[in-house]
Amino acid sequence: MNIALLQKALAASRGGKAAALATNLKTGQQSLIEGAEVTGNLPVTEVIMNAVRRAWDRDENDNVMTGDGKIFIEIFNPRLRMLIVGAVHIAQPLARMAALTGYLVTIIDPRSAFASAERFPDVALSDEWPDDAMKKLKPDRRTAVVTLTHDPKLDDPALAETLKSDAFYIGALGSRKTHARRGERLKALGFTDDQLARIHGPVGLKLGAVSPAEIAISVMAEVIQILRAPAEERKAERAAEKSRETAA
């Protein structure tokens, strides 16, 4: 293990950038991949680079066979983030649950009486208008965005800005009627049906949730499902493949 490369990988992750260490398990050669930049003595072929990209997307380490031996790919993804628009009652348990799940949480609400350190201890707070906050925070593929205010003046600008991003999850609180009206307003701004389909509304899994804490659980469950479902599908595919091999 090249300690200098490991330290660079950790620094990249802490700085919000994805990195990966590719190691030839036969020769010990190793290289650090940060975007298109490669540092180290392991030649990074297109086969290895494609495997690194898949590992980043899947958020899990991987192995790839090459003509020179097996390559172990260890990924260093940035922390997951959750941006919550609206410092309402539901936001309090949701922020705690997200933090416990490993997310860096930011509450966005220009209403200082709601977004206070007393109501949200140890949580980053933004009192900017949601669209301005989104422009600064730059949601990416490691970011979930949830709007909770029920106020079009706050939720709509946040959603409009988020739909331009690569956020892996976008959710909006409200009934089906509320969400339909929201969709019409966003269509008037030029968004297509395909773009609007990215918004999970009403937000959360259908658990019959009633209290703020229960609704927060349903939201967190849906976020996890969207993030992790592809991995579960891959596991099921691998299990089915092994079953077919055994039967053969």
Protein backbone atom coordinates (compact mmCIF):
# COMPACT_ATOMS: atom_id res chain seq x y z
CA MET A 1 0.00 0.00 0.00
CA ASN A 2 1.39 3.38 -1.06
CA ILE A 3 0.64 5.59 1.95
CA ALA A 4 1.09 8.81 -0.03
CA LEU A 5 -1.52 7.71 -2.58
CA LEU A 6 -3.88 6.66 0.21
CA GLN A 7 -3.55 10.05 1.88
CA LYS A 8 -4.27 11.78 -1.44
CA ALA A 9 -7.36 9.60 -1.95
CA LEU A 10 -8.68 10.46 1.52
CA ALA A 11 -7.98 14.16 0.96
CA ALA A 12 -9.86 14.09 -2.35
CA SER A 13 -12.89 12.44 -0.71
CA ARG A 14 -12.91 14.99 2.13
CA GLY A 15 -12.70 17.74 -0.47
CA GLY A 16 -15.83 16.50 -2.24
CA LYS A 17 -14.12 14.68 -5.12
CA ALA A 18 -14.33 11.00 -6.02
CA ALA A 19 -11.07 9.05 -6.03
CA ALA A 20 -10.08 5.41 -6.45
CA LEU A 21 -7.01 3.28 -5.77
CA ALA A 22 -6.41 0.56 -8.36
CA THR A 23 -4.02 -2.19 -7.20
CA ASN A 24 -2.65 -5.15 -9.16
CA LEU A 25 -2.97 -7.96 -6.60
CA LYS A 26 -0.22 -9.95 -8.38
CA THR A 27 2.47 -7.31 -8.87
CA GLY A 28 1.54 -4.78 -6.18
CA GLN A 29 1.54 -1.93 -8.70
CA GLN A 30 -0.86 0.80 -7.69
CA SER A 31 -2.30 4.02 -9.08
CA LEU A 32 -4.62 6.73 -7.80
CA ILE A 33 -7.39 7.89 -10.12
CA GLU A 34 -8.97 11.32 -9.55
CA GLY A 35 -11.25 12.12 -12.45
CA ALA A 36 -9.00 11.84 -15.53
CA GLU A 37 -5.81 12.31 -13.49
CA VAL A 38 -3.72 9.20 -12.76
CA THR A 39 -0.81 9.01 -10.29
CA GLY A 40 1.23 5.87 -9.63
CA ASN A 41 3.04 2.98 -11.31
CA LEU A 42 0.05 0.90 -12.43
CA PRO A 43 -0.84 1.57 -16.07
CA VAL A 44 -4.55 2.44 -16.09
CA THR A 45 -6.12 0.98 -19.20
CA GLU A 46 -9.59 1.74 -20.52
CA VAL A 47 -10.77 -1.56 -19.00
CA ILE A 48 -9.60 -0.44 -15.55
CA MET A 49 -10.97 3.07 -16.02
CA ASN A 50 -14.40 1.74 -16.97
CA ALA A 51 -14.37 -0.48 -13.87
CA VAL A 52 -13.47 2.55 -11.73
CA ARG A 53 -16.38 4.53 -13.15
CA ARG A 54 -18.76 1.66 -12.43
CA ALA A 55 -17.43 1.36 -8.87
CA TRP A 56 -17.95 5.09 -8.29
CA ASP A 57 -21.52 4.86 -9.59
CA ARG A 58 -22.28 1.77 -7.50
CA ASP A 59 -20.59 3.19 -4.41
CA GLU A 60 -18.77 -0.09 -3.77
CA ASN A 61 -15.30 -1.57 -4.27
CA ASP A 62 -14.78 -3.97 -7.15
CA ASN A 63 -12.35 -6.29 -8.94
CA VAL A 64 -11.59 -6.52 -12.63
CA MET A 65 -9.55 -9.15 -14.46
CA THR A 66 -6.91 -8.00 -16.92
CA GLY A 67 -4.18 -9.72 -18.90
CA ASP A 68 -1.75 -8.66 -16.17
CA GLY A 69 -3.78 -10.09 -13.30
CA LYS A 70 -6.66 -9.14 -11.02
CA ILE A 71 -7.04 -5.42 -10.24
CA PHE A 72 -8.66 -4.44 -6.93
CA ILE A 73 -10.46 -1.11 -7.07
CA GLU A 74 -11.00 0.70 -3.78
CA ILE A 75 -13.19 3.76 -4.04
CA PHE A 76 -13.17 6.93 -1.95
CA ASN A 77 -16.46 8.68 -2.67
CA PRO A 78 -17.36 12.01 -1.03
CA ARG A 79 -19.87 11.97 1.83
CA LEU A 80 -23.52 11.78 0.88
CA ARG A 81 -25.45 15.02 1.39
CA MET A 82 -29.08 15.85 2.10
CA LEU A 83 -30.38 19.35 1.46
CA ILE A 84 -33.71 19.94 3.22
CA VAL A 85 -35.77 22.95 2.16
CA GLY A 86 -38.05 24.04 4.99
CA ALA A 87 -37.21 24.02 8.70
CA VAL A 88 -40.60 22.48 9.55
CA HIS A 89 -41.49 19.80 12.12
CA ILE A 90 -40.76 16.92 9.72
CA ALA A 91 -37.30 18.36 9.05
CA GLN A 92 -36.22 17.82 12.66
CA PRO A 93 -36.45 14.00 12.78
CA LEU A 94 -35.43 13.75 9.11
CA ALA A 95 -32.23 15.70 9.74
CA ARG A 96 -31.35 13.42 12.66
CA MET A 97 -32.09 10.25 10.69
CA ALA A 98 -30.09 11.42 7.70
CA ALA A 99 -27.12 12.32 9.89
CA LEU A 100 -27.24 8.90 11.58
CA THR A 101 -27.23 7.33 8.11
CA GLY A 102 -24.04 9.19 7.22
CA TYR A 103 -25.37 12.21 5.34
CA LEU A 104 -24.07 15.74 5.69
CA VAL A 105 -27.30 17.67 6.26
CA THR A 106 -28.10 21.28 5.42
CA ILE A 107 -31.41 22.94 6.34
CA ILE A 108 -32.39 25.73 3.94
CA ASP A 109 -34.99 28.26 5.06
CA PRO A 110 -34.89 32.07 4.89
CA ARG A 111 -37.29 32.20 7.85
CA SER A 112 -34.84 32.55 10.74
CA ALA A 113 -37.53 31.85 13.33
CA PHE A 114 -37.78 28.32 11.92
CA ALA A 115 -34.17 27.63 10.95
CA SER A 116 -32.53 28.12 14.34
CA ALA A 117 -29.68 26.36 16.09
CA GLU A 118 -32.02 25.60 18.97
CA ARG A 119 -34.35 23.60 16.74
CA PHE A 120 -31.55 22.07 14.66
CA PRO A 121 -28.47 21.58 16.85
CA ASP A 122 -25.32 20.41 15.07
CA VAL A 123 -26.91 20.89 11.62
CA ALA A 124 -25.70 23.31 8.96
CA LEU A 125 -28.25 26.08 8.37
CA SER A 126 -28.73 28.33 5.36
CA ASP A 127 -31.00 31.38 5.55
CA GLU A 128 -30.71 32.12 1.83
CA TRP A 129 -33.57 31.75 -0.61
CA PRO A 130 -33.61 28.11 -1.74
CA ASP A 131 -32.64 28.72 -5.37
CA ASP A 132 -29.65 30.83 -4.30
CA ALA A 133 -28.66 28.19 -1.75
CA MET A 134 -28.86 25.44 -4.38
CA LYS A 135 -26.63 27.41 -6.73
CA LYS A 136 -24.00 27.63 -3.99
CA LEU A 137 -24.36 24.09 -2.66
CA LYS A 138 -24.39 22.56 -6.15
CA PRO A 139 -26.31 19.29 -5.69
CA ASP A 140 -24.52 16.38 -7.39
CA ARG A 141 -24.96 12.63 -7.82
CA ARG A 142 -24.16 12.20 -4.08
CA THR A 143 -26.94 14.58 -3.02
CA ALA A 144 -30.58 14.11 -2.02
CA VAL A 145 -32.86 17.16 -2.00
CA VAL A 146 -36.16 17.24 -0.09
CA THR A 147 -38.59 20.18 -0.08
CA LEU A 148 -41.02 20.36 2.85
CA THR A 149 -42.47 23.87 3.07
CA HIS A 150 -45.73 23.50 1.06
CA ASP A 151 -44.99 27.10 0.00
CA PRO A 152 -44.52 27.50 -3.79
CA LYS A 153 -42.41 30.62 -3.20
CA LEU A 154 -39.82 28.41 -1.47
CA ASP A 155 -40.30 24.91 -2.88
CA ASP A 156 -40.68 25.78 -6.58
CA PRO A 157 -37.42 27.75 -6.95
CA ALA A 158 -35.55 25.00 -5.06
CA LEU A 159 -36.98 22.30 -7.32
CA ALA A 160 -36.36 24.32 -10.48
CA GLU A 161 -32.70 24.72 -9.58
CA THR A 162 -32.31 21.11 -8.42
CA LEU A 163 -33.78 19.71 -11.63
CA LYS A 164 -30.79 21.22 -13.45
CA SER A 165 -28.45 19.16 -11.27
CA ASP A 166 -27.40 15.49 -10.99
CA ALA A 167 -29.01 15.02 -7.55
CA PHE A 168 -29.80 11.31 -7.20
CA TYR A 169 -33.01 11.99 -5.28
CA ILE A 170 -35.52 14.84 -5.42
CA GLY A 171 -38.59 14.70 -3.18
CA ALA A 172 -41.38 17.17 -2.48
CA LEU A 173 -43.93 17.05 0.35
CA GLY A 174 -47.59 17.46 -0.54
CA SER A 175 -50.71 15.63 -1.67
CA ARG A 176 -51.22 14.36 -5.22
CA LYS A 177 -53.30 17.44 -5.99
CA THR A 178 -50.59 19.71 -4.59
CA HIS A 179 -47.97 17.88 -6.61
CA ALA A 180 -50.05 18.10 -9.79
CA ARG A 181 -50.35 21.87 -9.38
CA ARG A 182 -46.64 22.05 -8.66
CA GLY A 183 -45.95 20.16 -11.87
CA GLU A 184 -48.04 22.60 -13.89
CA ARG A 185 -46.13 25.55 -12.45
CA LEU A 186 -42.79 23.91 -13.26
CA LYS A 187 -44.00 23.06 -16.78
CA ALA A 188 -44.76 26.74 -17.25
CA LEU A 189 -41.08 27.36 -16.49
CA GLY A 190 -40.10 25.07 -19.35
CA PHE A 191 -39.50 21.73 -17.64
CA THR A 192 -40.56 18.58 -19.50
CA ASP A 193 -42.55 15.61 -18.24
CA ASP A 194 -39.38 13.50 -18.21
CA GLN A 195 -37.62 16.07 -16.04
CA LEU A 196 -40.58 16.37 -13.68
CA ALA A 197 -40.70 12.58 -13.34
CA ARG A 198 -37.48 12.85 -11.30
CA ILE A 199 -39.47 14.45 -8.46
CA HIS A 200 -40.86 11.99 -5.92
CA GLY A 201 -44.16 13.52 -4.94
CA PRO A 202 -45.86 12.88 -2.65
CA VAL A 203 -42.50 12.33 -1.00
CA GLY A 204 -41.65 9.08 0.80
CA LEU A 205 -42.67 5.44 0.63
CA LYS A 206 -46.33 4.62 1.14
CA LEU A 207 -46.20 3.43 4.75
CA GLY A 208 -49.38 5.09 5.99
CA ALA A 209 -47.21 7.57 7.90
CA VAL A 210 -49.03 10.21 9.95
CA SER A 211 -46.73 11.88 12.50
CA PRO A 212 -43.70 14.00 11.55
CA ALA A 213 -41.36 11.23 12.69
CA GLU A 214 -43.23 8.58 10.68
CA ILE A 215 -43.20 10.78 7.57
CA ALA A 216 -39.46 11.34 8.08
CA ILE A 217 -38.98 7.55 8.22
CA SER A 218 -40.88 7.12 4.96
CA VAL A 219 -38.76 9.81 3.29
CA MET A 220 -35.48 8.35 4.55
CA ALA A 221 -36.58 4.87 3.45
CA GLU A 222 -37.31 6.09 -0.07
CA VAL A 223 -33.98 7.91 -0.28
CA ILE A 224 -32.17 4.71 0.73
CA GLN A 225 -34.21 2.67 -1.74
CA ILE A 226 -33.36 4.98 -4.64
CA LEU A 227 -29.67 5.03 -3.69
CA ARG A 228 -29.25 1.32 -2.97
CA ALA A 229 -31.83 -0.46 -5.14
CA PRO A 230 -29.43 -0.84 -8.12
CA ALA A 231 -26.97 -2.67 -5.84
CA GLU A 232 -29.74 -4.97 -4.60
CA GLU A 233 -30.76 -5.66 -8.19
CA ARG A 234 -27.16 -6.56 -9.07
CA LYS A 235 -27.00 -8.95 -6.10
CA ALA A 236 -30.22 -10.61 -7.26
CA GLU A 237 -28.81 -10.93 -10.78
CA ARG A 238 -25.59 -12.49 -9.47
CA ALA A 239 -27.58 -14.92 -7.29
CA ALA A 240 -29.71 -15.92 -10.28
CA GLU A 241 -26.61 -16.39 -12.40
CA LYS A 242 -25.02 -18.65 -9.78
CA SER A 243 -28.25 -20.63 -9.55
CA ARG A 244 -28.23 -21.16 -13.32
CA GLU A 245 -24.57 -22.24 -13.21
CA THR A 246 -25.32 -24.74 -10.44
CA ALA A 247 -28.29 -26.14 -12.35
CA ALA A 248 -26.13 -26.54 -15.46
